[in-house]
N, C-alpha and C. Protein backbone atom coordinates (compact mmCIF):
# COMPACT_ATOMS: atom_id res chain seq x y z
N MET A 1 43.76 109.79 135.99
CA MET A 1 42.69 109.87 135.78
C MET A 1 42.29 108.78 134.47
N LEU A 2 40.62 108.01 134.32
CA LEU A 2 40.22 108.22 133.11
C LEU A 2 39.03 109.00 133.16
N PHE A 3 38.75 109.20 131.65
CA PHE A 3 37.28 110.32 131.45
C PHE A 3 36.35 108.95 130.42
N SER A 4 35.35 109.46 130.69
CA SER A 4 34.53 108.50 129.82
C SER A 4 33.16 109.53 129.42
N SER A 5 32.95 109.33 127.79
CA SER A 5 32.41 110.37 126.80
C SER A 5 31.41 109.24 126.11
N CYS A 6 30.64 110.01 125.96
CA CYS A 6 29.77 109.11 123.87
C CYS A 6 30.47 110.29 122.89
N ASP A 7 30.98 109.17 121.98
CA ASP A 7 31.66 109.37 121.04
C ASP A 7 30.22 110.29 120.19
N LYS A 8 30.48 110.50 119.93
CA LYS A 8 29.33 111.64 118.56
C LYS A 8 29.46 111.08 117.75
N ASN A 9 30.22 110.52 117.09
CA ASN A 9 30.91 109.59 115.86
C ASN A 9 29.87 108.10 115.59
N ASP A 10 29.22 107.88 116.80
CA ASP A 10 28.39 106.41 116.78
C ASP A 10 27.00 106.92 115.80
N PRO A 11 27.79 105.39 115.15
CA PRO A 11 26.19 105.49 113.97
C PRO A 11 24.72 105.47 114.63
N ALA A 12 24.10 105.69 113.80
CA ALA A 12 22.46 105.99 114.07
C ALA A 12 22.55 104.32 113.67
N LEU A 13 21.27 104.02 114.77
CA LEU A 13 20.74 102.55 114.18
C LEU A 13 19.87 102.72 113.20
N THR A 14 19.45 101.71 112.36
CA THR A 14 19.25 101.32 111.45
C THR A 14 17.81 101.29 111.34
N LYS A 15 16.79 101.36 110.60
CA LYS A 15 15.52 101.10 110.68
C LYS A 15 15.54 99.64 111.01
N THR A 16 15.79 99.10 110.63
CA THR A 16 16.12 97.00 110.72
C THR A 16 16.13 97.34 112.22
N GLN A 17 17.51 97.90 112.82
CA GLN A 17 17.43 97.94 114.32
C GLN A 17 16.92 97.96 114.95
N LEU A 18 15.77 99.25 114.72
CA LEU A 18 14.81 99.85 115.54
C LEU A 18 14.01 98.91 115.61
N LEU A 19 13.66 98.48 114.78
CA LEU A 19 11.89 97.64 114.34
C LEU A 19 12.42 96.19 115.31
N THR A 20 13.27 95.73 115.05
CA THR A 20 13.54 94.50 115.50
C THR A 20 14.44 94.03 116.92
N GLN A 21 14.74 95.20 117.24
CA GLN A 21 15.42 95.10 119.07
C GLN A 21 14.31 95.08 120.32
N HIS A 22 13.22 94.87 119.99
CA HIS A 22 12.41 94.73 121.29
C HIS A 22 10.99 94.26 120.63
N LYS A 23 10.43 94.11 121.46
CA LYS A 23 8.55 93.88 121.17
C LYS A 23 8.21 95.35 121.16
N TRP A 24 7.03 95.35 120.25
CA TRP A 24 6.32 96.76 120.62
C TRP A 24 4.47 96.20 121.07
N VAL A 25 3.75 97.13 121.48
CA VAL A 25 2.74 97.07 122.43
C VAL A 25 1.85 98.26 121.68
N LEU A 26 0.72 97.92 121.39
CA LEU A 26 -0.05 98.99 120.91
C LEU A 26 -0.68 100.12 122.51
N ASP A 27 -0.60 101.50 122.07
CA ASP A 27 0.01 102.69 123.04
C ASP A 27 -1.79 102.72 123.47
N ALA A 28 -1.16 101.98 125.45
CA ALA A 28 -3.04 101.70 125.58
C ALA A 28 -3.23 103.21 125.93
N THR A 29 -2.50 104.82 125.81
CA THR A 29 -3.53 105.94 126.10
C THR A 29 -4.18 105.90 124.06
N ALA A 30 -3.97 105.38 123.34
CA ALA A 30 -4.27 105.55 121.70
C ALA A 30 -6.13 105.38 121.62
N THR A 31 -6.79 105.12 121.05
CA THR A 31 -8.64 105.97 121.08
C THR A 31 -8.59 105.43 119.91
N GLY A 32 -10.07 105.17 120.54
CA GLY A 32 -10.59 103.98 118.77
C GLY A 32 -10.71 103.00 118.35
N PHE A 33 -9.15 101.96 118.92
CA PHE A 33 -8.43 100.93 118.01
C PHE A 33 -8.84 100.10 118.83
N ILE A 34 -9.42 98.88 118.51
CA ILE A 34 -9.53 97.23 118.89
C ILE A 34 -8.62 97.00 119.15
N GLY A 35 -8.19 96.23 120.59
CA GLY A 35 -7.28 94.73 120.50
C GLY A 35 -6.03 95.62 121.03
N LEU A 36 -6.44 96.54 122.27
CA LEU A 36 -5.20 96.96 123.20
C LEU A 36 -5.20 95.97 123.68
N GLY A 37 -3.21 95.80 123.95
CA GLY A 37 -2.50 94.34 124.28
C GLY A 37 -1.77 94.01 123.68
N THR A 38 -2.18 93.77 122.53
CA THR A 38 -2.06 93.98 120.68
C THR A 38 0.07 93.83 121.02
N GLU A 39 0.25 92.91 120.31
CA GLU A 39 2.00 92.99 120.64
C GLU A 39 2.31 91.99 119.32
N LEU A 40 3.26 93.52 118.90
CA LEU A 40 4.33 93.12 117.27
C LEU A 40 5.41 92.70 118.31
N SER A 41 5.73 91.68 117.01
CA SER A 41 7.60 90.99 117.15
C SER A 41 8.05 91.26 115.94
N PHE A 42 8.62 91.97 115.15
CA PHE A 42 9.75 91.92 114.12
C PHE A 42 11.01 91.50 114.67
N ASN A 43 11.80 90.21 113.55
CA ASN A 43 12.31 89.19 113.87
C ASN A 43 13.94 89.60 112.99
N THR A 44 15.02 89.61 112.99
CA THR A 44 16.24 90.03 111.61
C THR A 44 15.59 88.97 110.94
N ASP A 45 15.26 87.85 110.72
CA ASP A 45 14.80 87.14 109.50
C ASP A 45 13.96 87.02 108.62
N LYS A 46 13.25 89.10 108.67
CA LYS A 46 12.23 89.42 107.96
C LYS A 46 10.83 88.68 108.35
N THR A 47 10.38 88.12 109.39
CA THR A 47 9.33 87.16 110.00
C THR A 47 9.32 88.28 110.62
N TYR A 48 7.59 88.36 111.25
CA TYR A 48 6.82 88.86 112.50
C TYR A 48 5.96 87.96 112.88
N THR A 49 5.27 88.52 114.38
CA THR A 49 4.73 87.78 115.06
C THR A 49 3.40 88.80 115.12
N ALA A 50 1.98 88.31 115.61
CA ALA A 50 1.15 89.74 116.20
C ALA A 50 0.22 88.49 116.66
N GLU A 51 0.61 89.11 118.20
CA GLU A 51 0.03 88.79 119.30
C GLU A 51 -1.46 89.51 119.69
N PHE A 52 -2.91 89.39 119.48
CA PHE A 52 -3.56 89.71 119.80
C PHE A 52 -4.47 88.84 121.33
N PRO A 53 -5.81 89.69 121.05
CA PRO A 53 -5.99 88.82 123.40
C PRO A 53 -6.64 87.90 122.83
N THR A 54 -7.15 87.53 121.44
CA THR A 54 -7.66 86.58 121.22
C THR A 54 -6.91 85.30 120.42
N PHE A 55 -5.94 85.44 119.73
CA PHE A 55 -5.17 85.20 118.55
C PHE A 55 -3.89 85.39 118.60
N SER A 56 -3.37 84.83 117.53
CA SER A 56 -2.22 84.98 116.98
C SER A 56 -2.21 85.15 115.67
N ASP A 57 -0.89 86.06 114.95
CA ASP A 57 -1.10 86.04 113.43
C ASP A 57 0.32 86.36 113.07
N GLY A 58 0.45 86.40 111.76
CA GLY A 58 2.30 86.50 111.47
C GLY A 58 2.73 85.99 110.09
N GLY A 59 3.90 86.26 110.26
CA GLY A 59 4.32 86.51 107.93
C GLY A 59 5.56 86.79 108.39
N LYS A 60 5.77 87.71 107.18
CA LYS A 60 6.96 88.05 106.63
C LYS A 60 6.69 89.79 106.43
N TRP A 61 7.54 90.39 106.79
CA TRP A 61 7.82 91.76 106.92
C TRP A 61 8.96 91.90 106.10
N GLU A 62 8.89 93.10 105.03
CA GLU A 62 9.93 93.78 104.73
C GLU A 62 9.49 95.30 104.62
N PHE A 63 10.55 96.46 104.51
CA PHE A 63 10.32 97.77 103.87
C PHE A 63 10.02 97.84 102.52
N SER A 64 9.23 99.24 101.70
CA SER A 64 10.17 99.42 100.44
C SER A 64 11.84 99.85 100.45
N ALA A 65 11.47 100.36 99.01
CA ALA A 65 12.95 100.58 99.68
C ALA A 65 13.18 101.74 99.27
N ASP A 66 12.21 102.50 99.76
CA ASP A 66 12.99 104.07 100.37
C ASP A 66 13.13 104.19 102.05
N GLU A 67 12.55 103.00 101.87
CA GLU A 67 11.75 102.18 103.42
C GLU A 67 10.94 103.62 104.22
N THR A 68 10.63 103.78 103.90
CA THR A 68 9.35 104.78 104.31
C THR A 68 7.75 103.98 104.59
N LYS A 69 8.10 102.89 104.14
CA LYS A 69 7.03 101.80 104.66
C LYS A 69 7.29 100.48 104.51
N LEU A 70 6.34 99.99 105.74
CA LEU A 70 6.65 98.86 106.09
C LEU A 70 5.54 97.72 105.46
N LEU A 71 5.85 96.90 104.95
CA LEU A 71 4.71 96.07 104.06
C LEU A 71 5.13 94.39 105.00
N LEU A 72 4.05 93.98 105.09
CA LEU A 72 3.51 92.97 105.94
C LEU A 72 2.35 91.98 105.05
N ASP A 73 3.41 91.11 105.00
CA ASP A 73 2.99 89.74 104.12
C ASP A 73 2.30 88.13 104.64
N ARG A 74 0.99 88.75 104.74
CA ARG A 74 0.45 87.41 105.89
C ARG A 74 0.22 86.31 104.83
N GLY A 75 0.63 86.23 103.96
CA GLY A 75 0.35 84.79 102.67
C GLY A 75 -0.70 84.96 101.79
N ILE A 76 -1.46 86.03 102.47
CA ILE A 76 -3.22 85.75 101.25
C ILE A 76 -3.14 87.61 100.83
N VAL A 77 -2.33 88.02 101.77
CA VAL A 77 -2.49 89.24 101.93
C VAL A 77 -1.71 90.41 102.19
N ILE A 78 -0.73 91.12 101.17
CA ILE A 78 -0.05 92.53 101.68
C ILE A 78 -0.50 93.63 102.79
N ILE A 79 -0.08 93.96 103.71
CA ILE A 79 -0.75 95.31 104.45
C ILE A 79 0.06 96.20 103.93
N SER A 80 0.16 97.41 104.01
CA SER A 80 1.26 98.00 103.14
C SER A 80 0.35 99.52 104.43
N TYR A 81 1.97 99.71 105.44
CA TYR A 81 2.03 101.42 105.98
C TYR A 81 2.70 102.41 105.99
N GLN A 82 2.59 103.56 106.30
CA GLN A 82 3.20 104.26 105.66
C GLN A 82 4.25 104.68 107.52
N ILE A 83 5.31 104.77 107.17
CA ILE A 83 6.26 105.07 108.65
C ILE A 83 6.29 106.67 108.86
N VAL A 84 5.44 106.43 110.00
CA VAL A 84 5.11 108.14 110.32
C VAL A 84 6.14 108.25 111.52
N LYS A 85 6.73 107.53 112.27
CA LYS A 85 7.61 107.70 113.19
C LYS A 85 8.04 106.05 113.85
N LEU A 86 9.47 105.93 113.66
CA LEU A 86 9.96 104.68 114.00
C LEU A 86 11.35 105.21 114.90
N ASP A 87 11.29 105.46 116.06
CA ASP A 87 12.67 105.27 117.31
C ASP A 87 12.76 104.24 118.18
N GLU A 88 13.82 104.34 118.90
CA GLU A 88 14.19 103.69 120.02
C GLU A 88 12.55 103.37 121.03
N ASN A 89 11.30 103.70 120.68
CA ASN A 89 10.87 103.61 121.56
C ASN A 89 9.40 104.39 120.76
N ASN A 90 9.30 104.24 120.27
CA ASN A 90 7.90 104.60 119.55
C ASN A 90 7.77 104.24 117.77
N LEU A 91 6.68 103.13 117.20
CA LEU A 91 6.50 103.02 116.34
C LEU A 91 4.81 103.30 115.96
N GLN A 92 5.47 104.68 115.01
CA GLN A 92 3.59 104.54 114.68
C GLN A 92 3.86 104.62 112.99
N LEU A 93 2.69 104.20 112.93
CA LEU A 93 1.97 102.82 111.01
C LEU A 93 1.00 104.06 110.68
N LYS A 94 0.64 104.55 109.85
CA LYS A 94 -0.78 104.94 109.54
C LYS A 94 -0.98 103.78 107.84
N ASP A 95 -2.03 103.24 108.16
CA ASP A 95 -2.45 101.73 107.03
C ASP A 95 -2.89 102.87 106.21
N LEU A 96 -2.59 102.11 105.30
CA LEU A 96 -2.21 102.55 103.81
C LEU A 96 -3.60 101.75 102.74
N THR A 97 -4.31 101.05 103.44
CA THR A 97 -5.27 99.80 102.89
C THR A 97 -6.34 100.78 101.97
N PRO A 98 -7.38 100.78 100.88
CA PRO A 98 -7.77 101.77 100.53
C PRO A 98 -8.89 101.57 101.02
N GLY A 99 -9.22 102.55 101.40
CA GLY A 99 -10.94 103.37 102.81
C GLY A 99 -10.15 103.03 104.06
N ALA A 100 -9.82 103.36 104.76
CA ALA A 100 -8.73 102.96 105.68
C ALA A 100 -8.78 105.21 106.41
N GLY A 101 -9.29 105.44 105.86
CA GLY A 101 -8.33 106.68 106.20
C GLY A 101 -7.53 107.27 106.87
N ASP A 102 -7.56 107.94 107.45
CA ASP A 102 -6.35 108.85 108.01
C ASP A 102 -6.54 107.32 109.28
N ASN A 103 -6.57 106.45 109.50
CA ASN A 103 -6.15 105.45 110.30
C ASN A 103 -4.48 105.49 111.49
N THR A 104 -3.88 106.12 111.66
CA THR A 104 -2.71 105.71 112.87
C THR A 104 -2.49 105.06 113.83
N ILE A 105 -2.07 104.71 114.69
CA ILE A 105 -1.64 103.27 114.77
C ILE A 105 -0.37 103.32 115.52
N THR A 106 -0.32 103.78 117.00
CA THR A 106 0.65 103.91 117.26
C THR A 106 1.24 102.74 118.87
N TYR A 107 2.63 102.50 118.40
CA TYR A 107 2.48 101.58 119.13
C TYR A 107 4.24 101.78 120.49
N ILE A 108 4.66 101.28 121.30
CA ILE A 108 4.94 102.00 122.05
C ILE A 108 6.35 100.65 122.52
N LYS A 109 7.32 100.60 122.58
CA LYS A 109 8.37 99.96 123.65
C LYS A 109 7.63 98.86 124.36
N LYS A 110 8.34 97.50 124.63
CA LYS A 110 7.30 96.69 125.57
C LYS A 110 8.67 96.80 126.44
């Protein structure tokens, strides 16, 4: 007789693994944001692409040293986001751009 069980000692996914394991799409239930349908793809080589309804963008990404911020380098400007939530199904970011206010954006697993 064989039994299968989940090993409770399985290591948790790293933030890089969580971020790069699939595409992220802007949460359709989020209100007040232009660009519904926006998709983000983060790659293990530290590049990303952003697909908007009318154009594409991309660049390089990295975490801050303490992995609490996501930094997107578009070549001209670096955009900084506070990571509010990152798990297997949700990516929630707070825009840290001066003057952005409490602009929190939610993406879900595609």
